Amino acid sequence: PDEAESFEFKRSDEGGYYLLMGWRGVKLKGVAV
């Protein structure tokens, strides 16, 4: 709760989700496989 790093789920064009993961101040995109 005291750290800014997050997992954020966002809708993809295909109707599912992709995942934005915060890691050491950088956001990285994970695609559903």
Full PDB file with SEQRES, HELIX, SHEET, SSBOND, CRYST1, ORIGX, SCALE, CONECT and MASTER records, all heavy atoms in Angstrom:
SEQRES   1 A   33  PRO ASP GLU ALA GLU SER PHE GLU PHE LYS ARG SER ASP          
SEQRES   2 A   33  GLU GLY GLY TYR TYR LEU LEU MET GLY TRP ARG GLY VAL          
SEQRES   3 A   33  LYS LEU LYS GLY VAL ALA VAL                                  
SHEET    1 AA1 3 PHE A   7  ARG A  11  0                                        
SHEET    2 AA1 3 TYR A  17  TRP A  23 -1                                        
SHEET    3 AA1 3 VAL A  26  VAL A  31 -1                                        
CRYST1    1.000    1.000    1.000  90.00  90.00  90.00 P 1           1          
ORIGX1      1.000000  0.000000  0.000000        0.00000                         
ORIGX2      0.000000  1.000000  0.000000        0.00000                         
ORIGX3      0.000000  0.000000  1.000000        0.00000                         
SCALE1      1.000000  0.000000  0.000000        0.00000                         
SCALE2      0.000000  1.000000  0.000000        0.00000                         
SCALE3      0.000000  0.000000  1.000000        0.00000                         
ATOM      1  N   PRO A   1       0.803  -1.238   0.000  1.00  0.00           N  
ATOM      2  CA  PRO A   1       0.000   0.000   0.000  1.00  0.00           C  
ATOM      3  C   PRO A   1       0.828   1.276   0.000  1.00  0.00           C  
ATOM      4  O   PRO A   1       0.320   2.329  -0.403  1.00  0.00           O  
ATOM      5  CB  PRO A   1      -0.821  -0.119   1.285  1.00  0.00           C  
ATOM      6  CG  PRO A   1      -0.065  -1.069   2.150  1.00  0.00           C  
ATOM      7  CD  PRO A   1       0.584  -2.040   1.216  1.00  0.00           C  
ATOM      8  N   ASP A   2       2.095   1.193   0.423  1.00  0.00           N  
ATOM      9  CA  ASP A   2       2.930   2.391   0.491  1.00  0.00           C  
ATOM     10  C   ASP A   2       3.876   2.523  -0.696  1.00  0.00           C  
ATOM     11  O   ASP A   2       4.739   3.401  -0.705  1.00  0.00           O  
ATOM     12  CB  ASP A   2       3.746   2.394   1.795  1.00  0.00           C  
ATOM     13  CG  ASP A   2       2.850   2.459   3.021  1.00  0.00           C  
ATOM     14  OD1 ASP A   2       1.742   3.009   2.901  1.00  0.00           O  
ATOM     15  OD2 ASP A   2       3.260   1.957   4.079  1.00  0.00           O  
ATOM     16  N   GLU A   3       3.729   1.664  -1.698  1.00  0.00           N  
ATOM     17  CA  GLU A   3       4.573   1.705  -2.887  1.00  0.00           C  
ATOM     18  C   GLU A   3       3.746   2.065  -4.109  1.00  0.00           C  
ATOM     19  O   GLU A   3       2.577   1.670  -4.218  1.00  0.00           O  
ATOM     20  CB  GLU A   3       5.280   0.368  -3.110  1.00  0.00           C  
ATOM     21  CG  GLU A   3       6.266  -0.011  -2.015  1.00  0.00           C  
ATOM     22  CD  GLU A   3       7.456   0.937  -1.959  1.00  0.00           C  
ATOM     23  OE1 GLU A   3       7.800   1.513  -3.022  1.00  0.00           O  
ATOM     24  OE2 GLU A   3       8.034   1.098  -0.872  1.00  0.00           O  
ATOM     25  N   ALA A   4       4.359   2.791  -5.040  1.00  0.00           N  
ATOM     26  CA  ALA A   4       3.631   3.252  -6.228  1.00  0.00           C  
ATOM     27  C   ALA A   4       3.452   2.168  -7.282  1.00  0.00           C  
ATOM     28  O   ALA A   4       2.608   2.297  -8.169  1.00  0.00           O  
ATOM     29  CB  ALA A   4       4.365   4.444  -6.849  1.00  0.00           C  
ATOM     30  N   GLU A   5       4.233   1.098  -7.205  1.00  0.00           N  
ATOM     31  CA  GLU A   5       4.173   0.070  -8.240  1.00  0.00           C  
ATOM     32  C   GLU A   5       2.817  -0.613  -8.238  1.00  0.00           C  
ATOM     33  O   GLU A   5       2.289  -0.963  -7.184  1.00  0.00           O  
ATOM     34  CB  GLU A   5       5.274  -0.966  -8.025  1.00  0.00           C  
ATOM     35  CG  GLU A   5       6.662  -0.381  -7.822  1.00  0.00           C  
ATOM     36  CD  GLU A   5       7.238   0.262  -9.070  1.00  0.00           C  
ATOM     37  OE1 GLU A   5       6.454   0.575  -9.998  1.00  0.00           O  
ATOM     38  OE2 GLU A   5       8.454   0.449  -9.123  1.00  0.00           O  
ATOM     39  N   SER A   6       2.250  -0.816  -9.429  1.00  0.00           N  
ATOM     40  CA  SER A   6       0.904  -1.360  -9.551  1.00  0.00           C  
ATOM     41  C   SER A   6       0.818  -2.350 -10.699  1.00  0.00           C  
ATOM     42  O   SER A   6       1.684  -2.394 -11.579  1.00  0.00           O  
ATOM     43  CB  SER A   6      -0.119  -0.239  -9.802  1.00  0.00           C  
ATOM     44  OG  SER A   6      -0.162   0.681  -8.755  1.00  0.00           O  
ATOM     45  N   PHE A   7      -0.254  -3.140 -10.667  1.00  0.00           N  
ATOM     46  CA  PHE A   7      -0.697  -3.917 -11.814  1.00  0.00           C  
ATOM     47  C   PHE A   7      -1.991  -3.271 -12.314  1.00  0.00           C  
ATOM     48  O   PHE A   7      -2.951  -3.133 -11.555  1.00  0.00           O  
ATOM     49  CB  PHE A   7      -0.984  -5.368 -11.421  1.00  0.00           C  
ATOM     50  CG  PHE A   7       0.232  -6.219 -11.260  1.00  0.00           C  
ATOM     51  CD1 PHE A   7       0.905  -6.274 -10.051  1.00  0.00           C  
ATOM     52  CD2 PHE A   7       0.697  -6.973 -12.314  1.00  0.00           C  
ATOM     53  CE1 PHE A   7       2.007  -7.069  -9.898  1.00  0.00           C  
ATOM     54  CE2 PHE A   7       1.814  -7.773 -12.184  1.00  0.00           C  
ATOM     55  CZ  PHE A   7       2.477  -7.822 -10.956  1.00  0.00           C  
ATOM     56  N   GLU A   8      -2.001  -2.907 -13.577  1.00  0.00           N  
ATOM     57  CA  GLU A   8      -3.197  -2.301 -14.143  1.00  0.00           C  
ATOM     58  C   GLU A   8      -3.660  -3.104 -15.349  1.00  0.00           C  
ATOM     59  O   GLU A   8      -2.892  -3.354 -16.287  1.00  0.00           O  
ATOM     60  CB  GLU A   8      -2.934  -0.859 -14.567  1.00  0.00           C  
ATOM     61  CG  GLU A   8      -4.169  -0.166 -15.117  1.00  0.00           C  
ATOM     62  CD  GLU A   8      -3.929   1.288 -15.466  1.00  0.00           C  
ATOM     63  OE1 GLU A   8      -2.764   1.741 -15.372  1.00  0.00           O  
ATOM     64  OE2 GLU A   8      -4.906   1.978 -15.845  1.00  0.00           O  
ATOM     65  N   PHE A   9      -4.901  -3.527 -15.320  1.00  0.00           N  
ATOM     66  CA  PHE A   9      -5.477  -4.301 -16.417  1.00  0.00           C  
ATOM     67  C   PHE A   9      -6.246  -3.353 -17.332  1.00  0.00           C  
ATOM     68  O   PHE A   9      -7.125  -2.610 -16.896  1.00  0.00           O  
ATOM     69  CB  PHE A   9      -6.409  -5.384 -15.866  1.00  0.00           C  
ATOM     70  CG  PHE A   9      -5.690  -6.412 -15.043  1.00  0.00           C  
ATOM     71  CD1 PHE A   9      -5.512  -6.223 -13.675  1.00  0.00           C  
ATOM     72  CD2 PHE A   9      -5.165  -7.553 -15.626  1.00  0.00           C  
ATOM     73  CE1 PHE A   9      -4.841  -7.160 -12.900  1.00  0.00           C  
ATOM     74  CE2 PHE A   9      -4.493  -8.500 -14.867  1.00  0.00           C  
ATOM     75  CZ  PHE A   9      -4.325  -8.296 -13.497  1.00  0.00           C  
ATOM     76  N   LYS A  10      -5.918  -3.413 -18.619  1.00  0.00           N  
ATOM     77  CA  LYS A  10      -6.550  -2.532 -19.599  1.00  0.00           C  
ATOM     78  C   LYS A  10      -7.120  -3.377 -20.735  1.00  0.00           C  
ATOM     79  O   LYS A  10      -6.546  -4.395 -21.120  1.00  0.00           O  
ATOM     80  CB  LYS A  10      -5.528  -1.511 -20.134  1.00  0.00           C  
ATOM     81  CG  LYS A  10      -4.970  -0.602 -19.045  1.00  0.00           C  
ATOM     82  CD  LYS A  10      -3.971   0.385 -19.621  1.00  0.00           C  
ATOM     83  CE  LYS A  10      -4.642   1.520 -20.351  1.00  0.00           C  
ATOM     84  NZ  LYS A  10      -5.355   2.439 -19.455  1.00  0.00           N  
ATOM     85  N   ARG A  11      -8.223  -2.904 -21.280  1.00  0.00           N  
ATOM     86  CA  ARG A  11      -8.882  -3.650 -22.343  1.00  0.00           C  
ATOM     87  C   ARG A  11      -8.053  -3.636 -23.623  1.00  0.00           C  
ATOM     88  O   ARG A  11      -7.516  -2.611 -24.016  1.00  0.00           O  
ATOM     89  CB  ARG A  11     -10.256  -3.053 -22.627  1.00  0.00           C  
ATOM     90  CG  ARG A  11     -11.218  -3.118 -21.455  1.00  0.00           C  
ATOM     91  CD  ARG A  11     -12.580  -2.627 -21.874  1.00  0.00           C  
ATOM     92  NE  ARG A  11     -13.429  -2.366 -20.714  1.00  0.00           N  
ATOM     93  CZ  ARG A  11     -14.699  -2.033 -20.789  1.00  0.00           C  
ATOM     94  NH1 ARG A  11     -15.268  -1.897 -21.979  1.00  0.00           N  
ATOM     95  NH2 ARG A  11     -15.409  -1.819 -19.701  1.00  0.00           N  
ATOM     96  N   SER A  12      -8.011  -4.778 -24.269  1.00  0.00           N  
ATOM     97  CA  SER A  12      -7.325  -4.896 -25.554  1.00  0.00           C  
ATOM     98  C   SER A  12      -8.345  -4.777 -26.678  1.00  0.00           C  
ATOM     99  O   SER A  12      -9.562  -4.876 -26.457  1.00  0.00           O  
ATOM    100  CB  SER A  12      -6.605  -6.240 -25.654  1.00  0.00           C  
ATOM    101  OG  SER A  12      -7.545  -7.306 -25.699  1.00  0.00           O  
ATOM    102  N   ASP A  13      -7.856  -4.580 -27.874  1.00  0.00           N  
ATOM    103  CA  ASP A  13      -8.754  -4.474 -29.033  1.00  0.00           C  
ATOM    104  C   ASP A  13      -9.488  -5.783 -29.303  1.00  0.00           C  
ATOM    105  O   ASP A  13     -10.542  -5.791 -29.946  1.00  0.00           O  
ATOM    106  CB  ASP A  13      -7.955  -4.072 -30.281  1.00  0.00           C  
ATOM    107  CG  ASP A  13      -7.386  -2.667 -30.173  1.00  0.00           C  
ATOM    108  OD1 ASP A  13      -7.936  -1.871 -29.386  1.00  0.00           O  
ATOM    109  OD2 ASP A  13      -6.390  -2.385 -30.870  1.00  0.00           O  
ATOM    110  N   GLU A  14      -8.926  -6.888 -28.815  1.00  0.00           N  
ATOM    111  CA  GLU A  14      -9.538  -8.198 -29.069  1.00  0.00           C  
ATOM    112  C   GLU A  14     -10.652  -8.520 -28.085  1.00  0.00           C  
ATOM    113  O   GLU A  14     -11.298  -9.567 -28.190  1.00  0.00           O  
ATOM    114  CB  GLU A  14      -8.464  -9.293 -28.999  1.00  0.00           C  
ATOM    115  CG  GLU A  14      -7.432  -9.238 -30.126  1.00  0.00           C  
ATOM    116  CD  GLU A  14      -6.427  -8.117 -29.912  1.00  0.00           C  
ATOM    117  OE1 GLU A  14      -6.198  -7.729 -28.734  1.00  0.00           O  
ATOM    118  OE2 GLU A  14      -5.885  -7.616 -30.907  1.00  0.00           O  
ATOM    119  N   GLY A  15     -10.869  -7.653 -27.090  1.00  0.00           N  
ATOM    120  CA  GLY A  15     -11.949  -7.875 -26.149  1.00  0.00           C  
ATOM    121  C   GLY A  15     -11.522  -8.414 -24.811  1.00  0.00           C  
ATOM    122  O   GLY A  15     -12.303  -8.471 -23.867  1.00  0.00           O  
ATOM    123  N   GLY A  16     -10.260  -8.856 -24.703  1.00  0.00           N  
ATOM    124  CA  GLY A  16      -9.731  -9.314 -23.434  1.00  0.00           C  
ATOM    125  C   GLY A  16      -8.983  -8.193 -22.734  1.00  0.00           C  
ATOM    126  O   GLY A  16      -9.388  -7.024 -22.787  1.00  0.00           O  
ATOM    127  N   TYR A  17      -7.845  -8.535 -22.107  1.00  0.00           N  
ATOM    128  CA  TYR A  17      -7.081  -7.544 -21.372  1.00  0.00           C  
ATOM    129  C   TYR A  17      -5.595  -7.712 -21.630  1.00  0.00           C  
ATOM    130  O   TYR A  17      -5.105  -8.802 -21.959  1.00  0.00           O  
ATOM    131  CB  TYR A  17      -7.327  -7.679 -19.856  1.00  0.00           C  
ATOM    132  CG  TYR A  17      -8.674  -7.153 -19.431  1.00  0.00           C  
ATOM    133  CD1 TYR A  17      -9.791  -7.984 -19.445  1.00  0.00           C  
ATOM    134  CD2 TYR A  17      -8.834  -5.831 -19.053  1.00  0.00           C  
ATOM    135  CE1 TYR A  17     -11.041  -7.512 -19.078  1.00  0.00           C  
ATOM    136  CE2 TYR A  17     -10.076  -5.341 -18.683  1.00  0.00           C  
ATOM    137  CZ  TYR A  17     -11.173  -6.184 -18.702  1.00  0.00           C  
ATOM    138  OH  TYR A  17     -12.387  -5.703 -18.354  1.00  0.00           O  
ATOM    139  N   TYR A  18      -4.872  -6.618 -21.499  1.00  0.00           N  
ATOM    140  CA  TYR A  18      -3.416  -6.686 -21.344  1.00  0.00           C  
ATOM    141  C   TYR A  18      -3.072  -6.089 -19.989  1.00  0.00           C  
ATOM    142  O   TYR A  18      -3.913  -5.463 -19.329  1.00  0.00           O  
ATOM    143  CB  TYR A  18      -2.678  -5.987 -22.493  1.00  0.00           C  
ATOM    144  CG  TYR A  18      -2.921  -4.503 -22.634  1.00  0.00           C  
ATOM    145  CD1 TYR A  18      -2.117  -3.580 -21.958  1.00  0.00           C  
ATOM    146  CD2 TYR A  18      -3.915  -4.013 -23.475  1.00  0.00           C  
ATOM    147  CE1 TYR A  18      -2.318  -2.210 -22.096  1.00  0.00           C  
ATOM    148  CE2 TYR A  18      -4.127  -2.655 -23.628  1.00  0.00           C  
ATOM    149  CZ  TYR A  18      -3.325  -1.757 -22.935  1.00  0.00           C  
ATOM    150  OH  TYR A  18      -3.530  -0.414 -23.077  1.00  0.00           O  
ATOM    151  N   LEU A  19      -1.859  -6.310 -19.555  1.00  0.00           N  
ATOM    152  CA  LEU A  19      -1.458  -5.963 -18.200  1.00  0.00           C  
ATOM    153  C   LEU A  19      -0.288  -4.993 -18.228  1.00  0.00           C  
ATOM    154  O   LEU A  19       0.720  -5.240 -18.892  1.00  0.00           O  
ATOM    155  CB  LEU A  19      -1.049  -7.239 -17.452  1.00  0.00           C  
ATOM    156  CG  LEU A  19      -0.458  -7.105 -16.053  1.00  0.00           C  
ATOM    157  CD1 LEU A  19      -1.410  -6.379 -15.126  1.00  0.00           C  
ATOM    158  CD2 LEU A  19      -0.120  -8.487 -15.499  1.00  0.00           C  
ATOM    159  N   LEU A  20      -0.436  -3.863 -17.526  1.00  0.00           N  
ATOM    160  CA  LEU A  20       0.668  -2.933 -17.329  1.00  0.00           C  
ATOM    161  C   LEU A  20       1.227  -3.145 -15.937  1.00  0.00           C  
ATOM    162  O   LEU A  20       0.527  -2.946 -14.936  1.00  0.00           O  
ATOM    163  CB  LEU A  20       0.196  -1.484 -17.496  1.00  0.00           C  
ATOM    164  CG  LEU A  20      -0.198  -1.049 -18.905  1.00  0.00           C  
ATOM    165  CD1 LEU A  20      -0.658   0.405 -18.885  1.00  0.00           C  
ATOM    166  CD2 LEU A  20       0.945  -1.222 -19.885  1.00  0.00           C  
ATOM    167  N   MET A  21       2.470  -3.559 -15.873  1.00  0.00           N  
ATOM    168  CA  MET A  21       3.098  -3.836 -14.590  1.00  0.00           C  
ATOM    169  C   MET A  21       4.122  -2.754 -14.277  1.00  0.00           C  
ATOM    170  O   MET A  21       5.018  -2.468 -15.076  1.00  0.00           O  
ATOM    171  CB  MET A  21       3.796  -5.199 -14.605  1.00  0.00           C  
ATOM    172  CG  MET A  21       4.493  -5.541 -13.291  1.00  0.00           C  
ATOM    173  SD  MET A  21       5.283  -7.160 -13.308  1.00  0.00           S  
ATOM    174  CE  MET A  21       6.684  -6.861 -14.417  1.00  0.00           C  
ATOM    175  N   GLY A  22       3.998  -2.148 -13.123  1.00  0.00           N  
ATOM    176  CA  GLY A  22       5.007  -1.202 -12.681  1.00  0.00           C  
ATOM    177  C   GLY A  22       6.182  -1.944 -12.107  1.00  0.00           C  
ATOM    178  O   GLY A  22       6.033  -2.831 -11.262  1.00  0.00           O  
ATOM    179  N   TRP A  23       7.375  -1.580 -12.566  1.00  0.00           N  
ATOM    180  CA  TRP A  23       8.596  -2.230 -12.087  1.00  0.00           C  
ATOM    181  C   TRP A  23       9.706  -1.195 -12.032  1.00  0.00           C  
ATOM    182  O   TRP A  23      10.121  -0.659 -13.042  1.00  0.00           O  
ATOM    183  CB  TRP A  23       8.996  -3.395 -12.994  1.00  0.00           C  
ATOM    184  CG  TRP A  23      10.276  -4.051 -12.591  1.00  0.00           C  
ATOM    185  CD1 TRP A  23      10.489  -4.863 -11.516  1.00  0.00           C  
ATOM    186  CD2 TRP A  23      11.539  -3.951 -13.272  1.00  0.00           C  
ATOM    187  NE1 TRP A  23      11.801  -5.269 -11.481  1.00  0.00           N  
ATOM    188  CE2 TRP A  23      12.468  -4.719 -12.543  1.00  0.00           C  
ATOM    189  CE3 TRP A  23      11.960  -3.279 -14.417  1.00  0.00           C  
ATOM    190  CZ2 TRP A  23      13.797  -4.829 -12.922  1.00  0.00           C  
ATOM    191  CZ3 TRP A  23      13.284  -3.383 -14.789  1.00  0.00           C  
ATOM    192  CH2 TRP A  23      14.199  -4.164 -14.053  1.00  0.00           C  
ATOM    193  N   ARG A  24      10.145  -0.880 -10.810  1.00  0.00           N  
ATOM    194  CA  ARG A  24      11.231   0.074 -10.611  1.00  0.00           C  
ATOM    195  C   ARG A  24      10.993   1.386 -11.356  1.00  0.00           C  
ATOM    196  O   ARG A  24      11.866   1.928 -12.030  1.00  0.00           O  
ATOM    197  CB  ARG A  24      12.569  -0.543 -11.017  1.00  0.00           C  
ATOM    198  CG  ARG A  24      12.947  -1.724 -10.143  1.00  0.00           C  
ATOM    199  CD  ARG A  24      14.321  -2.231 -10.423  1.00  0.00           C  
ATOM    200  NE  ARG A  24      14.641  -3.349  -9.531  1.00  0.00           N  
ATOM    201  CZ  ARG A  24      15.811  -3.954  -9.513  1.00  0.00           C  
ATOM    202  NH1 ARG A  24      16.777  -3.561 -10.327  1.00  0.00           N  
ATOM    203  NH2 ARG A  24      16.034  -4.956  -8.688  1.00  0.00           N  
ATOM    204  N   GLY A  25       9.780   1.868 -11.238  1.00  0.00           N  
ATOM    205  CA  GLY A  25       9.446   3.157 -11.811  1.00  0.00           C  
ATOM    206  C   GLY A  25       9.121   3.140 -13.289  1.00  0.00           C  
ATOM    207  O   GLY A  25       8.860   4.178 -13.882  1.00  0.00           O  
ATOM    208  N   VAL A  26       9.122   1.947 -13.916  1.00  0.00           N  
ATOM    209  CA  VAL A  26       8.844   1.824 -15.345  1.00  0.00           C  
ATOM    210  C   VAL A  26       7.612   0.945 -15.527  1.00  0.00           C  
ATOM    211  O   VAL A  26       7.418  -0.021 -14.791  1.00  0.00           O  
ATOM    212  CB  VAL A  26      10.050   1.201 -16.082  1.00  0.00           C  
ATOM    213  CG1 VAL A  26       9.748   1.018 -17.558  1.00  0.00           C  
ATOM    214  CG2 VAL A  26      11.288   2.060 -15.889  1.00  0.00           C  
ATOM    215  N   LYS A  27       6.762   1.274 -16.495  1.00  0.00           N  
ATOM    216  CA  LYS A  27       5.601   0.450 -16.793  1.00  0.00           C  
ATOM    217  C   LYS A  27       5.914  -0.470 -17.966  1.00  0.00           C  
ATOM    218  O   LYS A  27       6.363  -0.031 -19.019  1.00  0.00           O  
ATOM    219  CB  LYS A  27       4.383   1.323 -17.109  1.00  0.00           C  
ATOM    220  CG  LYS A  27       3.775   1.975 -15.880  1.00  0.00           C  
ATOM    221  CD  LYS A  27       2.452   2.630 -16.193  1.00  0.00           C  
ATOM    222  CE  LYS A  27       1.812   3.194 -14.931  1.00  0.00           C  
ATOM    223  NZ  LYS A  27       0.500   3.816 -15.210  1.00  0.00           N  
ATOM    224  N   LEU A  28       5.666  -1.765 -17.773  1.00  0.00           N  
ATOM    225  CA  LEU A  28       5.940  -2.773 -18.777  1.00  0.00           C  
ATOM    226  C   LEU A  28       4.631  -3.448 -19.188  1.00  0.00           C  
ATOM    227  O   LEU A  28       3.781  -3.746 -18.344  1.00  0.00           O  
ATOM    228  CB  LEU A  28       6.915  -3.816 -18.227  1.00  0.00           C  
ATOM    229  CG  LEU A  28       8.255  -3.244 -17.748  1.00  0.00           C  
ATOM    230  CD1 LEU A  28       8.988  -4.245 -16.895  1.00  0.00           C  
ATOM    231  CD2 LEU A  28       9.100  -2.830 -18.941  1.00  0.00           C  
ATOM    232  N   LYS A  29       4.488  -3.704 -20.479  1.00  0.00           N  
ATOM    233  CA  LYS A  29       3.242  -4.253 -21.007  1.00  0.00           C  
ATOM    234  C   LYS A  29       3.329  -5.758 -21.150  1.00  0.00           C  
ATOM    235  O   LYS A  29       4.250  -6.290 -21.765  1.00  0.00           O  
ATOM    236  CB  LYS A  29       2.918  -3.614 -22.356  1.00  0.00           C  
ATOM    237  CG  LYS A  29       1.592  -4.084 -22.948  1.00  0.00           C  
ATOM    238  CD  LYS A  29       1.299  -3.376 -24.272  1.00  0.00           C  
ATOM    239  CE  LYS A  29      -0.025  -3.848 -24.858  1.00  0.00           C  
ATOM    240  NZ  LYS A  29      -0.348  -3.152 -26.131  1.00  0.00           N  
ATOM    241  N   GLY A  30       2.327  -6.437 -20.566  1.00  0.00           N  
ATOM    242  CA  GLY A  30       2.206  -7.870 -20.726  1.00  0.00           C  
ATOM    243  C   GLY A  30       0.985  -8.210 -21.563  1.00  0.00           C  
ATOM    244  O   GLY A  30      -0.131  -7.774 -21.266  1.00  0.00           O  
ATOM    245  N   VAL A  31       1.192  -8.991 -22.607  1.00  0.00           N  
ATOM    246  CA  VAL A  31       0.111  -9.380 -23.514  1.00  0.00           C  
ATOM    247  C   VAL A  31      -0.401 -10.757 -23.118  1.00  0.00           C  
ATOM    248  O   VAL A  31       0.383 -11.664 -22.826  1.00  0.00           O  
ATOM    249  CB  VAL A  31       0.612  -9.394 -24.970  1.00  0.00           C  
ATOM    250  CG1 VAL A  31      -0.492  -9.849 -25.921  1.00  0.00           C  
ATOM    251  CG2 VAL A  31       1.112  -8.009 -25.374  1.00  0.00           C  
ATOM    252  N   ALA A  32      -1.707 -10.917 -23.099  1.00  0.00           N  
ATOM    253  CA  ALA A  32      -2.297 -12.206 -22.726  1.00  0.00           C  
ATOM    254  C   ALA A  32      -1.933 -13.267 -23.754  1.00  0.00           C  
ATOM    255  O   ALA A  32      -2.167 -13.106 -24.947  1.00  0.00           O  
ATOM    256  CB  ALA A  32      -3.819 -12.077 -22.614  1.00  0.00           C  
ATOM    257  N   VAL A  33      -1.339 -14.368 -23.272  1.00  0.00           N  
ATOM    258  CA  VAL A  33      -0.987 -15.476 -24.165  1.00  0.00           C  
ATOM    259  C   VAL A  33      -1.856 -16.698 -23.915  1.00  0.00           C  
ATOM    260  O   VAL A  33      -1.812 -17.660 -24.671  1.00  0.00           O  
ATOM    261  CB  VAL A  33       0.499 -15.855 -24.019  1.00  0.00           C  
ATOM    262  CG1 VAL A  33       1.379 -14.716 -24.501  1.00  0.00           C  
ATOM    263  CG2 VAL A  33       0.840 -16.205 -22.573  1.00  0.00           C  
TER     264      VAL A  33                                                      
MASTER        0    0    0    0    3    0    0    6  263    1    0    3          
END                                                                             
